[in-house]
Structure formats: structure tokens, C-alpha cells
Amino acid sequence: MIRIRAVAAITALTVCSAPSWAAKWVYTVQNAQVALLPDPFTVGAESEARDINIHGQIVGWAYTSGQPNAWLYEPTGVYKNVGIPLTTVYAHANGVNNLGEVVGIWLDNNQRRSFYWHPSTGFAPLSIKLQPGASYNDQYHFQANAINDFGRIVGSAEASLTATDIPFASCFDDVPIYWIRPDANPQVLYCPGVPGGENEAMDVNSYGWTAGFETGASERGFRHHGSASYVPWATGGNQDGMRIHAMNEKAAVAGNTTFTSPGIGLRAIYWDGLSRASISLGVLPGGKYSHADDVNDEDFVVGHSDRTLSTEAGIFQVVRAFLWRPEFGLHELPSPPPGKGQPYTSCGALGMTNFLPANTTQGTIKVVGFCQPNGKRRAVRWDVAVSRIWVP
């Protein structure tokens, strides 16, 4: 989700405002290979890959000692436990930056807390001092979702169901938050217009632009940079039900929203950050819904969609991961071969790298996520070979 750029922030704004008629790269998918990641802790245990950085380091979670625990997978094939050292404590890794720093969540006496992991210093709980001097800071559930290459972390703070003192107000009850650096106290990113609902900061780029969603008066996506603004609705979509999950360096975003026409439901969406409307990415053949989870700097989007699958045994509805760009639409990513005769009925793509190497016309996009037979997730990686040509 996070990519570094050693340029001034004004450059990002210049890129964002480039005219639509400018020359551009046109991409073609050549092939895609899928591989199950090795079992992180326990052979055959459930696992999921959630994010990947430019070096190929992957983070996620897997079951061990009866609980999911957070891990980082190195390209060398080595796993590191990045959750709380006690593997009997619930922990998920949600994001990794290009320095190998990891953020995620863990449980402390049934209260959700956030953590930061550094390659040199290891695991550290993030501060929960959201409301300075307040006695009820420990009554919040905290969630860290992403970290950029400058150490800025974004997530959410939600009053727990047992909270007795937290005011039911827009700046207190359930808020998007950020830690300006891992050793800082969390701060409210902005106050949603209506208290209650679910309000999440989901991603942050190198310039501090943050994206997420709020679900108070309506469910809508936002971008924040000094102040919050809302992502425009997709043409033909319902003006409700939008959730933004990812943002790239150009502040383009991806997520999903609902459509209300007969037979239409959840749709993956993309917004370039400039147009009057976001766009629907559609569905795979025979599908009824789609969902987007990441967008990279070349405006590829990954996610999942259901589809109809016809086989000799009959017609089935399955879920498949996809890679999207406007010139070719949804490209279905392959599922692994059946394991022990059990087909993988569901796959989802959650994170990806940019087109690498950046200075060539032939490259690879690495995508991570999960596939599952019979409801048991397994962490996977797709290596997608992509070619591109420059169109003046």
C-alpha cells in the first residue's frame, strides 16, 4: 500500500493535475502465476497475506497456539513473528512500509490495541493516549491500518461496548486517527459530522494524504490533507454505502460502493482524484458483486469478485481475485490447483507492489492475499508479468 518518492510534495500535486490528454503508458497482462506461501507457524494452519512492500516483504497473520498471530515473510523464505512475543495472544499485521516497519493490532485483556514493529527493536505497543488527561483512554479499541515511509501511522479509535465515560460526540465516540510517528500519542484526524457509525483511516501516502471512510449519516469515502473532503459517487451508484480502502502516491483511491438498480449490489470503484465521479470496475463474468482493496502508483487495482464457473460437475458461483486497469478491465487471477482434491472456491487480493523494475517495458506486479478451500484461508502471492508501451 505504501510507496516512497524522494520528491517534494508539490510534485505530487503536479502529477495529480496532469491533463487527461497527456502521453501515457498502456499496459497488458502477459501471464500470472500463483503460489501458496509456506506455513508461517503451524503446518496446515489458516493464514492470510495482507500487504507487501517494494522489497517483496509480506505481512499477514496465521494461527498458532490457538490464536492468529502476526508475521513478516522475507523474500528469502524466512518468517518473523512481529506480533506480541507471546504467541497465545491474538495479533494481526495490517501494513508494512518500504523500510520493513510493520503495524497491526493485538488484544490486551479483550481490548483491541495497535502495535508497531521495527526490524531492529521489535514489537512495541502504540500509545493509547488519544484524549489528553482523560481517564477513559483505555476504554477505546484502537486499530493501526497502514504506515508510510516517514513513520506516520493511520487507523481508528472506537469506544468499546463497555465504555462508560467516553462522550457520544463526533470527536470522541468513533474517530479516524493518526500517530505522527510510532513513539507519539494518537490524534484525531478529523471529527466526523455525526457521532457513531464506523470511521476508519485506512491508508496514508508519503505526502501525508490519508484515505478512509465514515458511516455516520451516510456511508462515504474521504480523503484528508489538512482537511477532509469526500470521494465523489460513481455514476449510477447509490449515494451511500461507499468505503475507501486504499490510496496511491497521486492520492487516487479505490474501494467499493453500492448500486441500487435491479440486480446490482456492491461494486469495486476507483477515483483518479480529479474527475467529477468515481467509476465502477464491474464484475467478473456472471458475477453479482466486486470489492477493491488496493491501488498502486500505476493505477492498477486489486480486489475480488464473484463469478459463474461452469464445469463438468455443474455450474457454481465462486469468488476470484482480480487485477484491474482501464484498458483491459478486470483480469482474473488464477487460483491454486486443488489441494487434496478440494478446489479453492474463494480467493481475494489485498495488496500489491508497483510495476517493477520501474525503468523497463517488461515488469512484474506482485500481489498478495488469500485463497481458501472449505472456508480455511491460505496466504498466497501472485506474480503478474506485465508489459507496457508508451503512447504519445
Protein backbone atom coordinates (compact mmCIF):
# COMPACT_ATOMS: atom_id res chain seq x y z
CA MET A 1 0.00 0.00 0.00
CA ILE A 2 2.87 2.40 0.71
CA ARG A 3 5.39 3.62 -1.82
CA ILE A 4 8.26 6.08 -1.32
CA ARG A 5 9.01 9.10 -3.51
CA ALA A 6 12.09 11.25 -2.83
CA VAL A 7 10.49 14.41 -4.23
CA ALA A 8 8.73 17.41 -2.77
CA ALA A 9 5.00 17.27 -2.07
CA ILE A 10 4.37 19.87 -4.75
CA THR A 11 5.48 17.27 -7.30
CA ALA A 12 2.64 15.00 -6.22
CA LEU A 13 0.15 17.79 -6.77
CA THR A 14 1.63 18.47 -10.21
CA VAL A 15 1.26 14.81 -11.13
CA CYS A 16 -2.33 14.83 -9.89
CA SER A 17 -3.19 17.80 -12.09
CA ALA A 18 -1.70 16.44 -15.32
CA PRO A 19 -4.08 16.88 -18.28
CA SER A 20 -6.07 13.82 -19.35
CA TRP A 21 -4.73 14.10 -22.93
CA ALA A 22 -1.10 13.68 -21.83
CA ALA A 23 1.01 10.80 -23.12
CA LYS A 24 0.70 7.65 -21.06
CA TRP A 25 1.73 4.06 -20.54
CA VAL A 26 -0.63 1.36 -21.82
CA TYR A 27 -0.34 -1.97 -20.01
CA THR A 28 -1.00 -5.58 -20.98
CA VAL A 29 -1.04 -8.61 -18.66
CA GLN A 30 1.14 -11.37 -20.12
CA ASN A 31 0.59 -14.09 -17.51
CA ALA A 32 0.05 -14.60 -13.80
CA GLN A 33 1.44 -17.30 -11.51
CA VAL A 34 0.00 -18.13 -8.08
CA ALA A 35 1.82 -19.77 -5.17
CA LEU A 36 0.74 -20.69 -1.66
CA LEU A 37 3.10 -19.16 0.88
CA PRO A 38 4.79 -21.65 3.21
CA ASP A 39 3.00 -22.22 6.53
CA PRO A 40 4.27 -19.48 8.88
CA PHE A 41 3.96 -21.25 12.24
CA THR A 42 1.83 -24.40 12.21
CA VAL A 43 1.58 -26.82 9.28
CA GLY A 44 -1.81 -26.51 7.59
CA ALA A 45 -2.98 -23.64 9.81
CA GLU A 46 -5.16 -20.85 8.44
CA SER A 47 -3.26 -17.78 7.20
CA GLU A 48 -3.69 -14.57 5.18
CA ALA A 49 -1.27 -12.14 3.48
CA ARG A 50 -2.38 -8.52 3.82
CA ASP A 51 0.35 -6.23 2.45
CA ILE A 52 3.65 -6.24 0.54
CA ASN A 53 6.39 -3.62 0.05
CA ILE A 54 8.76 -2.89 -2.85
CA HIS A 55 11.33 -5.37 -1.49
CA GLY A 56 8.85 -8.22 -1.52
CA GLN A 57 8.43 -8.35 2.27
CA ILE A 58 4.91 -9.57 3.07
CA VAL A 59 2.89 -9.23 6.28
CA GLY A 60 -0.19 -11.01 7.50
CA TRP A 61 -1.49 -13.38 10.14
CA ALA A 62 -1.64 -17.11 10.78
CA TYR A 63 -2.92 -19.36 13.54
CA THR A 64 -0.50 -20.68 16.14
CA SER A 65 -1.14 -21.84 19.70
CA GLY A 66 -4.86 -21.49 19.09
CA GLN A 67 -4.72 -17.77 18.14
CA PRO A 68 -3.94 -15.78 14.98
CA ASN A 69 -0.52 -14.16 15.24
CA ALA A 70 1.22 -11.53 13.13
CA TRP A 71 4.13 -12.33 10.79
CA LEU A 72 6.52 -10.83 8.28
CA TYR A 73 7.72 -13.03 5.40
CA GLU A 74 11.10 -12.25 3.86
CA PRO A 75 11.85 -12.92 0.15
CA THR A 76 14.48 -15.39 1.40
CA GLY A 77 11.64 -17.59 2.72
CA VAL A 78 12.20 -16.73 6.40
CA TYR A 79 9.26 -15.83 8.66
CA LYS A 80 9.49 -13.42 11.59
CA ASN A 81 6.96 -13.20 14.40
CA VAL A 82 6.11 -9.48 14.56
CA GLY A 83 3.17 -9.76 16.96
CA ILE A 84 3.42 -9.67 20.72
CA PRO A 85 6.11 -12.22 21.67
CA LEU A 86 3.53 -14.40 23.49
CA THR A 87 2.09 -16.37 20.57
CA THR A 88 -1.02 -17.19 22.61
CA VAL A 89 -2.16 -13.57 22.24
CA TYR A 90 -4.27 -12.54 19.23
CA ALA A 91 -2.37 -10.33 16.72
CA HIS A 92 -2.80 -9.28 13.07
CA ALA A 93 -0.26 -7.44 10.89
CA ASN A 94 -2.07 -5.00 8.58
CA GLY A 95 0.61 -2.89 6.87
CA VAL A 96 4.31 -2.74 6.03
CA ASN A 97 6.30 0.18 4.63
CA ASN A 98 9.38 0.09 2.42
CA LEU A 99 11.69 0.18 5.46
CA GLY A 100 10.26 -3.09 6.74
CA GLU A 101 8.33 -1.43 9.59
CA VAL A 102 5.05 -3.18 10.42
CA VAL A 103 1.80 -2.08 12.08
CA GLY A 104 -1.19 -4.07 13.20
CA ILE A 105 -3.46 -4.97 16.10
CA TRP A 106 -3.32 -7.19 19.18
CA LEU A 107 -5.60 -7.94 22.12
CA ASP A 108 -4.85 -6.76 25.66
CA ASN A 109 -7.47 -8.08 28.14
CA ASN A 110 -10.01 -8.22 25.29
CA GLN A 111 -9.30 -4.60 24.35
CA ARG A 112 -8.02 -4.13 20.79
CA ARG A 113 -4.70 -2.30 20.76
CA SER A 114 -2.28 -1.32 17.99
CA PHE A 115 1.38 -2.21 17.62
CA TYR A 116 4.47 -1.10 15.73
CA TRP A 117 7.30 -3.47 14.84
CA HIS A 118 10.79 -2.34 13.81
CA PRO A 119 13.43 -4.66 12.28
CA SER A 120 15.95 -3.62 14.96
CA THR A 121 13.86 -3.04 18.08
CA GLY A 122 10.98 -5.47 17.54
CA PHE A 123 7.45 -5.20 18.93
CA ALA A 124 6.15 -2.08 20.71
CA PRO A 125 2.56 -1.14 21.68
CA LEU A 126 1.39 2.16 20.21
CA SER A 127 0.20 4.83 22.62
CA ILE A 128 -3.49 4.89 23.56
CA LYS A 129 -3.44 8.47 24.99
CA LEU A 130 -5.97 9.84 22.47
CA GLN A 131 -7.77 12.31 24.76
CA PRO A 132 -5.07 14.11 26.80
CA GLY A 133 -5.65 13.76 30.53
CA ALA A 134 -8.83 11.70 30.11
CA SER A 135 -9.38 8.71 32.39
CA TYR A 136 -11.16 6.73 29.65
CA ASN A 137 -8.40 6.33 27.05
CA ASP A 138 -8.15 2.64 27.90
CA GLN A 139 -11.85 2.21 27.04
CA TYR A 140 -11.16 2.65 23.32
CA HIS A 141 -10.44 -0.09 20.81
CA PHE A 142 -7.51 1.02 18.64
CA GLN A 143 -6.61 -0.19 15.15
CA ALA A 144 -3.49 0.64 13.09
CA ASN A 145 -4.09 0.02 9.38
CA ALA A 146 -1.12 1.48 7.46
CA ILE A 147 2.28 3.16 7.89
CA ASN A 148 4.14 5.34 5.37
CA ASP A 149 7.89 5.58 4.89
CA PHE A 150 8.13 8.56 7.25
CA GLY A 151 6.56 6.64 10.15
CA ARG A 152 3.10 8.19 10.01
CA ILE A 153 0.51 5.59 11.04
CA VAL A 154 -3.25 5.79 10.45
CA GLY A 155 -6.18 3.86 11.85
CA SER A 156 -9.15 4.28 14.16
CA ALA A 157 -10.28 4.55 17.77
CA GLU A 158 -13.68 3.17 18.72
CA ALA A 159 -15.42 3.35 22.08
CA SER A 160 -15.77 -0.20 23.42
CA LEU A 161 -19.24 -1.56 24.16
CA THR A 162 -18.45 -1.44 27.87
CA ALA A 163 -17.23 2.18 27.82
CA THR A 164 -18.99 4.28 30.45
CA ASP A 165 -17.25 7.67 30.27
CA ILE A 166 -16.49 8.38 26.60
CA PRO A 167 -18.82 11.15 25.32
CA PHE A 168 -21.14 10.17 22.48
CA ALA A 169 -19.91 13.03 20.29
CA SER A 170 -18.38 13.35 16.84
CA CYS A 171 -14.84 13.99 18.14
CA PHE A 172 -14.90 11.25 20.75
CA ASP A 173 -17.06 8.19 20.10
CA ASP A 174 -15.60 6.62 16.93
CA VAL A 175 -12.93 8.56 15.04
CA PRO A 176 -10.25 8.20 12.36
CA ILE A 177 -6.85 8.74 13.97
CA TYR A 178 -3.13 9.00 13.24
CA TRP A 179 0.16 8.68 15.07
CA ILE A 180 2.56 11.24 13.55
CA ARG A 181 5.38 8.83 14.44
CA PRO A 182 5.49 5.49 16.25
CA ASP A 183 6.50 6.98 19.63
CA ALA A 184 3.85 9.74 19.56
CA ASN A 185 0.38 9.84 21.08
CA PRO A 186 -2.54 9.24 18.68
CA GLN A 187 -4.53 12.22 17.44
CA VAL A 188 -7.98 12.61 15.92
CA LEU A 189 -7.58 13.08 12.16
CA TYR A 190 -10.88 14.95 11.91
CA CYS A 191 -14.26 14.87 13.61
CA PRO A 192 -16.94 13.07 11.56
CA GLY A 193 -20.12 15.09 11.14
CA VAL A 194 -22.29 12.64 13.07
CA PRO A 195 -21.21 10.55 16.09
CA GLY A 196 -21.49 6.80 15.96
CA GLY A 197 -21.02 4.52 13.00
CA GLU A 198 -17.63 3.27 11.88
CA ASN A 199 -14.97 5.82 10.99
CA GLU A 200 -11.66 4.49 9.70
CA ALA A 201 -8.44 5.95 8.30
CA MET A 202 -7.33 3.11 6.02
CA ASP A 203 -4.26 4.26 4.09
CA VAL A 204 -1.65 7.05 4.02
CA ASN A 205 0.80 8.01 1.30
CA SER A 206 4.27 9.56 1.54
CA TYR A 207 2.86 13.10 1.49
CA GLY A 208 0.52 12.54 4.43
CA TRP A 209 -2.64 12.28 2.34
CA THR A 210 -4.97 9.89 4.16
CA ALA A 211 -7.97 7.95 2.84
CA GLY A 212 -10.77 6.08 4.57
CA PHE A 213 -14.49 6.10 5.21
CA GLU A 214 -17.16 7.16 7.69
CA THR A 215 -20.59 5.62 8.31
CA GLY A 216 -22.49 8.18 10.39
CA ALA A 217 -25.25 9.98 8.47
CA SER A 218 -24.28 8.01 5.34
CA GLU A 219 -21.50 5.63 4.38
CA ARG A 220 -18.99 7.57 2.29
CA GLY A 221 -15.29 7.68 1.50
CA PHE A 222 -12.96 10.55 2.35
CA ARG A 223 -9.52 11.92 1.61
CA HIS A 224 -7.76 14.09 4.16
CA HIS A 225 -4.88 16.50 3.71
CA GLY A 226 -5.19 19.37 6.17
CA SER A 227 -8.96 18.94 5.99
CA ALA A 228 -11.38 16.22 4.91
CA SER A 229 -13.15 16.06 1.55
CA TYR A 230 -15.42 13.34 0.22
CA VAL A 231 -14.81 11.00 -2.69
CA PRO A 232 -17.41 11.61 -5.43
CA TRP A 233 -20.06 8.98 -6.04
CA ALA A 234 -19.84 6.67 -9.02
CA THR A 235 -22.16 7.41 -11.94
CA GLY A 236 -25.25 5.25 -11.50
CA GLY A 237 -24.32 4.35 -7.94
CA ASN A 238 -26.24 4.87 -4.74
CA GLN A 239 -25.19 7.93 -2.75
CA ASP A 240 -24.50 5.77 0.27
CA GLY A 241 -22.55 2.61 1.06
CA MET A 242 -19.05 3.78 -0.03
CA ARG A 243 -15.91 2.52 1.68
CA ILE A 244 -12.43 3.58 0.57
CA HIS A 245 -9.67 1.10 1.44
CA ALA A 246 -6.52 2.31 -0.34
CA MET A 247 -4.74 5.31 -1.86
CA ASN A 248 -1.63 5.74 -4.02
CA GLU A 249 1.04 8.45 -4.20
CA LYS A 250 -1.10 10.55 -6.58
CA ALA A 251 -3.94 10.45 -4.00
CA ALA A 252 -6.12 8.29 -6.28
CA VAL A 253 -8.26 5.90 -4.27
CA ALA A 254 -10.00 2.53 -4.52
CA GLY A 255 -12.75 0.85 -2.54
CA ASN A 256 -16.36 -0.10 -3.10
CA THR A 257 -19.87 1.35 -3.14
CA THR A 258 -23.43 0.15 -3.69
CA PHE A 259 -25.59 0.36 -6.78
CA THR A 260 -29.38 0.31 -6.49
CA SER A 261 -30.54 -0.64 -9.99
CA PRO A 262 -32.30 -4.05 -10.17
CA GLY A 263 -29.87 -6.90 -9.81
CA ILE A 264 -26.92 -4.69 -8.88
CA GLY A 265 -25.18 -4.64 -5.49
CA LEU A 266 -21.66 -3.91 -4.21
CA ARG A 267 -19.17 -2.69 -6.82
CA ALA A 268 -15.42 -2.06 -6.69
CA ILE A 269 -14.65 1.58 -7.53
CA TYR A 270 -11.66 3.73 -8.48
CA TRP A 271 -11.29 7.52 -8.41
CA ASP A 272 -8.35 9.30 -10.03
CA GLY A 273 -8.57 12.18 -7.55
CA LEU A 274 -9.64 14.75 -10.17
CA SER A 275 -12.71 13.60 -12.09
CA ARG A 276 -16.26 14.59 -11.17
CA ALA A 277 -17.19 10.97 -10.45
CA SER A 278 -15.56 7.73 -9.39
CA ILE A 279 -16.03 4.75 -11.67
CA SER A 280 -17.33 1.22 -11.19
CA LEU A 281 -14.88 -1.56 -12.07
CA GLY A 282 -17.68 -4.00 -12.87
CA VAL A 283 -17.67 -7.73 -12.06
CA LEU A 284 -16.17 -10.93 -13.42
CA PRO A 285 -18.34 -12.94 -15.87
CA GLY A 286 -21.64 -13.90 -14.25
CA GLY A 287 -20.75 -12.03 -11.07
CA LYS A 288 -23.04 -10.02 -8.81
CA TYR A 289 -20.56 -8.04 -6.71
CA SER A 290 -16.94 -6.86 -6.55
CA HIS A 291 -14.67 -5.31 -3.92
CA ALA A 292 -11.38 -3.36 -4.25
CA ASP A 293 -8.62 -3.42 -1.61
CA ASP A 294 -5.51 -1.73 -3.04
CA VAL A 295 -4.35 0.67 -5.76
CA ASN A 296 -0.73 1.19 -6.84
CA ASP A 297 1.05 4.15 -8.40
CA GLU A 298 0.34 2.97 -11.96
CA ASP A 299 -3.39 2.91 -11.06
CA PHE A 300 -3.72 -0.87 -11.04
CA VAL A 301 -6.41 -2.00 -8.61
CA VAL A 302 -6.71 -5.40 -6.91
CA GLY A 303 -9.63 -7.00 -5.12
CA HIS A 304 -12.13 -9.79 -5.59
CA SER A 305 -15.38 -10.52 -7.42
CA ASP A 306 -17.74 -13.45 -7.58
CA ARG A 307 -18.24 -15.18 -10.92
CA THR A 308 -20.04 -18.11 -12.54
CA LEU A 309 -17.86 -21.15 -13.15
CA SER A 310 -19.05 -23.91 -15.49
CA THR A 311 -17.52 -27.37 -15.01
CA GLU A 312 -18.35 -30.96 -15.90
CA ALA A 313 -19.83 -31.29 -12.42
CA GLY A 314 -22.19 -28.35 -12.92
CA ILE A 315 -22.38 -24.56 -12.64
CA PHE A 316 -21.01 -22.94 -9.48
CA GLN A 317 -20.66 -19.44 -8.06
CA VAL A 318 -17.09 -18.83 -6.89
CA VAL A 319 -15.02 -15.83 -5.78
CA ARG A 320 -11.83 -14.88 -7.59
CA ALA A 321 -9.09 -12.28 -7.12
CA PHE A 322 -8.66 -9.69 -9.86
CA LEU A 323 -6.21 -7.12 -11.22
CA TRP A 324 -7.75 -4.09 -12.97
CA ARG A 325 -6.67 -1.26 -15.24
CA PRO A 326 -8.96 0.77 -17.50
CA GLU A 327 -7.52 -0.55 -20.80
CA PHE A 328 -8.29 -4.20 -20.01
CA GLY A 329 -10.81 -4.13 -17.14
CA LEU A 330 -10.95 -6.96 -14.58
CA HIS A 331 -8.28 -9.58 -15.18
CA GLU A 332 -8.99 -12.74 -13.16
CA LEU A 333 -6.02 -14.03 -11.17
CA PRO A 334 -5.63 -17.81 -11.04
CA SER A 335 -6.50 -19.92 -8.02
CA PRO A 336 -4.10 -22.64 -6.83
CA PRO A 337 -4.54 -26.21 -8.08
CA PRO A 338 -6.94 -28.23 -5.89
CA GLY A 339 -5.30 -29.38 -2.68
CA LYS A 340 -6.11 -32.96 -1.68
CA GLY A 341 -8.96 -32.85 -4.18
CA GLN A 342 -10.52 -29.75 -2.60
CA PRO A 343 -10.96 -26.82 -5.04
CA TYR A 344 -10.20 -23.29 -3.95
CA THR A 345 -13.68 -21.76 -4.07
CA SER A 346 -12.67 -18.31 -2.88
CA CYS A 347 -9.66 -16.01 -3.48
CA GLY A 348 -9.07 -12.35 -2.66
CA ALA A 349 -6.24 -9.91 -3.46
CA LEU A 350 -5.45 -7.47 -0.63
CA GLY A 351 -2.16 -5.75 -1.50
CA MET A 352 0.38 -5.28 -4.30
CA THR A 353 3.61 -3.65 -5.42
CA ASN A 354 4.16 -1.16 -8.20
CA PHE A 355 5.30 -2.23 -11.68
CA LEU A 356 8.93 -3.32 -11.12
CA PRO A 357 11.54 -2.55 -12.29
CA ALA A 358 10.24 0.95 -12.95
CA ASN A 359 12.58 1.81 -15.86
CA THR A 360 11.59 -1.02 -18.23
CA THR A 361 8.75 -2.00 -20.54
CA GLN A 362 8.60 -5.56 -19.14
CA GLY A 363 7.96 -5.95 -15.45
CA THR A 364 6.17 -7.71 -12.63
CA ILE A 365 3.49 -6.74 -10.16
CA LYS A 366 3.47 -8.85 -7.02
CA VAL A 367 0.02 -9.31 -5.47
CA VAL A 368 -0.78 -10.87 -2.09
CA GLY A 369 -3.94 -12.11 -0.45
CA PHE A 370 -5.60 -15.44 0.26
CA CYS A 371 -7.34 -18.42 -1.29
CA GLN A 372 -9.46 -20.92 0.60
CA PRO A 373 -11.00 -24.38 0.20
CA ASN A 374 -13.88 -25.12 2.56
CA GLY A 375 -13.62 -21.77 4.36
CA LYS A 376 -9.99 -22.12 5.52
CA ARG A 377 -7.81 -19.29 4.24
CA ARG A 378 -4.27 -19.75 2.97
CA ALA A 379 -1.86 -16.89 2.29
CA VAL A 380 -0.90 -16.60 -1.39
CA ARG A 381 1.20 -14.46 -3.73
CA TRP A 382 0.61 -13.85 -7.41
CA ASP A 383 3.49 -12.82 -9.70
CA VAL A 384 1.89 -10.99 -12.61
CA ALA A 385 4.06 -10.42 -15.71
CA VAL A 386 3.08 -7.13 -17.35
CA SER A 387 4.28 -5.33 -20.47
CA ARG A 388 3.73 -1.68 -21.37
CA ILE A 389 4.17 0.70 -24.28
CA TRP A 390 4.38 4.47 -24.26
CA VAL A 391 1.57 6.12 -26.22
CA PRO A 392 2.39 9.74 -27.16
